[in-house]
Amino acid sequence: MSREGCTPNPVPLYLISQVVATEVGRHGRAIREIHIVRTGCHFYTVTTITGGGRP
């Protein structure tokens, strides 16, 4: 989970669904992509890419 211009923090495997749900709640329909990348030892980075939401 990260803010624009920040480096994503590693998230343990069991928290990925909670992080994705938080990002969907925060950005809603403005989300264009969510990237989940394994960083090692069952930790992942979750990066959210947003665009213009519906007016």
N, C-alpha and C. Protein backbone atom coordinates (compact mmCIF):
# COMPACT_ATOMS: atom_id res chain seq x y z
N MET A 1 0.86 -1.16 0.00
CA MET A 1 0.00 0.00 0.00
C MET A 1 0.91 1.23 0.00
N SER A 2 0.65 2.14 -0.92
CA SER A 2 1.52 3.30 -0.99
C SER A 2 0.75 4.52 -1.46
N ARG A 3 1.30 5.66 -1.17
CA ARG A 3 0.77 6.91 -1.68
C ARG A 3 1.62 7.34 -2.85
N GLU A 4 1.08 8.20 -3.68
CA GLU A 4 1.81 8.66 -4.86
C GLU A 4 3.14 9.26 -4.45
N GLY A 5 4.21 8.81 -5.10
CA GLY A 5 5.54 9.32 -4.81
C GLY A 5 6.24 8.62 -3.67
N CYS A 6 5.62 7.61 -3.06
CA CYS A 6 6.21 6.89 -1.94
C CYS A 6 6.58 5.48 -2.38
N THR A 7 7.57 4.92 -1.70
CA THR A 7 7.96 3.54 -1.94
C THR A 7 6.98 2.63 -1.19
N PRO A 8 6.44 1.60 -1.88
CA PRO A 8 5.50 0.71 -1.19
C PRO A 8 6.17 -0.06 -0.06
N ASN A 9 5.44 -0.28 1.01
CA ASN A 9 5.93 -1.06 2.14
C ASN A 9 5.65 -2.54 1.90
N PRO A 10 6.56 -3.43 2.30
CA PRO A 10 6.28 -4.86 2.16
C PRO A 10 5.11 -5.29 3.05
N VAL A 11 4.28 -6.16 2.51
CA VAL A 11 3.09 -6.64 3.21
C VAL A 11 3.17 -8.17 3.28
N PRO A 12 2.89 -8.77 4.45
CA PRO A 12 2.89 -10.23 4.51
C PRO A 12 1.73 -10.81 3.69
N LEU A 13 1.91 -12.04 3.26
CA LEU A 13 0.94 -12.71 2.39
C LEU A 13 -0.48 -12.67 2.95
N TYR A 14 -0.63 -12.90 4.24
CA TYR A 14 -1.97 -12.98 4.82
C TYR A 14 -2.70 -11.64 4.89
N LEU A 15 -2.01 -10.53 4.65
CA LEU A 15 -2.65 -9.21 4.69
C LEU A 15 -2.96 -8.62 3.32
N ILE A 16 -2.63 -9.33 2.25
CA ILE A 16 -2.84 -8.78 0.90
C ILE A 16 -4.31 -8.43 0.68
N SER A 17 -5.22 -9.32 1.03
CA SER A 17 -6.64 -9.05 0.79
C SER A 17 -7.12 -7.82 1.57
N GLN A 18 -6.62 -7.62 2.77
CA GLN A 18 -7.00 -6.45 3.56
C GLN A 18 -6.46 -5.17 2.93
N VAL A 19 -5.23 -5.21 2.43
CA VAL A 19 -4.63 -4.03 1.79
C VAL A 19 -5.39 -3.68 0.51
N VAL A 20 -5.74 -4.69 -0.29
CA VAL A 20 -6.49 -4.43 -1.52
C VAL A 20 -7.86 -3.85 -1.17
N ALA A 21 -8.54 -4.37 -0.17
CA ALA A 21 -9.84 -3.84 0.23
C ALA A 21 -9.72 -2.39 0.71
N THR A 22 -8.66 -2.06 1.42
CA THR A 22 -8.43 -0.69 1.87
C THR A 22 -8.23 0.25 0.68
N GLU A 23 -7.44 -0.19 -0.29
CA GLU A 23 -7.19 0.62 -1.48
C GLU A 23 -8.47 0.84 -2.29
N VAL A 24 -9.30 -0.19 -2.42
CA VAL A 24 -10.56 -0.05 -3.13
C VAL A 24 -11.47 0.91 -2.38
N GLY A 25 -11.50 0.83 -1.07
CA GLY A 25 -12.30 1.76 -0.29
C GLY A 25 -11.81 3.19 -0.41
N ARG A 26 -10.51 3.37 -0.50
CA ARG A 26 -9.93 4.71 -0.58
C ARG A 26 -10.11 5.34 -1.95
N HIS A 27 -9.88 4.56 -3.02
CA HIS A 27 -9.88 5.12 -4.38
C HIS A 27 -11.13 4.78 -5.19
N GLY A 28 -11.84 3.73 -4.82
CA GLY A 28 -13.08 3.37 -5.51
C GLY A 28 -12.90 3.13 -7.00
N ARG A 29 -13.76 3.75 -7.79
CA ARG A 29 -13.77 3.53 -9.24
C ARG A 29 -12.60 4.18 -9.96
N ALA A 30 -11.78 4.94 -9.27
CA ALA A 30 -10.62 5.57 -9.90
C ALA A 30 -9.48 4.58 -10.11
N ILE A 31 -9.56 3.39 -9.54
CA ILE A 31 -8.49 2.39 -9.67
C ILE A 31 -8.46 1.86 -11.09
N ARG A 32 -7.27 1.87 -11.67
CA ARG A 32 -7.06 1.31 -13.01
C ARG A 32 -6.33 -0.02 -12.93
N GLU A 33 -5.36 -0.14 -12.04
CA GLU A 33 -4.57 -1.36 -11.91
C GLU A 33 -4.12 -1.53 -10.46
N ILE A 34 -3.99 -2.78 -10.05
CA ILE A 34 -3.37 -3.10 -8.77
C ILE A 34 -2.30 -4.14 -9.06
N HIS A 35 -1.05 -3.81 -8.70
CA HIS A 35 0.08 -4.71 -8.93
C HIS A 35 0.52 -5.30 -7.59
N ILE A 36 0.68 -6.62 -7.57
CA ILE A 36 1.18 -7.31 -6.39
C ILE A 36 2.42 -8.07 -6.80
N VAL A 37 3.55 -7.74 -6.17
CA VAL A 37 4.84 -8.32 -6.54
C VAL A 37 5.49 -8.92 -5.30
N ARG A 38 5.96 -10.16 -5.43
CA ARG A 38 6.64 -10.81 -4.31
C ARG A 38 8.03 -10.22 -4.14
N THR A 39 8.37 -9.86 -2.90
CA THR A 39 9.68 -9.29 -2.63
C THR A 39 10.60 -10.28 -1.93
N GLY A 40 10.04 -11.36 -1.42
CA GLY A 40 10.84 -12.37 -0.75
C GLY A 40 10.29 -12.72 0.61
N CYS A 41 10.52 -13.96 1.03
CA CYS A 41 10.11 -14.43 2.36
C CYS A 41 8.64 -14.18 2.65
N HIS A 42 7.78 -14.43 1.68
CA HIS A 42 6.32 -14.29 1.83
C HIS A 42 5.89 -12.85 2.08
N PHE A 43 6.66 -11.89 1.61
CA PHE A 43 6.28 -10.49 1.66
C PHE A 43 6.05 -9.99 0.24
N TYR A 44 5.11 -9.07 0.10
CA TYR A 44 4.71 -8.57 -1.21
C TYR A 44 4.57 -7.06 -1.14
N THR A 45 4.72 -6.40 -2.30
CA THR A 45 4.40 -4.98 -2.39
C THR A 45 3.11 -4.86 -3.19
N VAL A 46 2.23 -3.98 -2.74
CA VAL A 46 0.96 -3.74 -3.41
C VAL A 46 0.99 -2.30 -3.89
N THR A 47 0.91 -2.13 -5.21
CA THR A 47 0.95 -0.80 -5.81
C THR A 47 -0.37 -0.56 -6.53
N THR A 48 -0.99 0.56 -6.26
CA THR A 48 -2.26 0.92 -6.87
C THR A 48 -2.06 2.04 -7.87
N ILE A 49 -2.57 1.84 -9.07
CA ILE A 49 -2.49 2.86 -10.12
C ILE A 49 -3.90 3.38 -10.33
N THR A 50 -4.06 4.69 -10.20
CA THR A 50 -5.37 5.29 -10.34
C THR A 50 -5.40 6.21 -11.54
N GLY A 51 -6.60 6.43 -12.03
CA GLY A 51 -6.83 7.38 -13.10
C GLY A 51 -8.00 8.24 -12.72
N GLY A 52 -8.52 8.98 -13.64
CA GLY A 52 -9.69 9.81 -13.35
C GLY A 52 -10.91 8.96 -13.10
N GLY A 53 -11.58 9.21 -12.00
CA GLY A 53 -12.81 8.48 -11.67
C GLY A 53 -13.99 9.05 -12.45
N ARG A 54 -15.09 8.37 -12.35
CA ARG A 54 -16.30 8.88 -13.01
C ARG A 54 -16.78 10.15 -12.32
N PRO A 55 -17.23 11.10 -13.08
CA PRO A 55 -17.70 12.37 -12.48
C PRO A 55 -18.97 12.20 -11.70
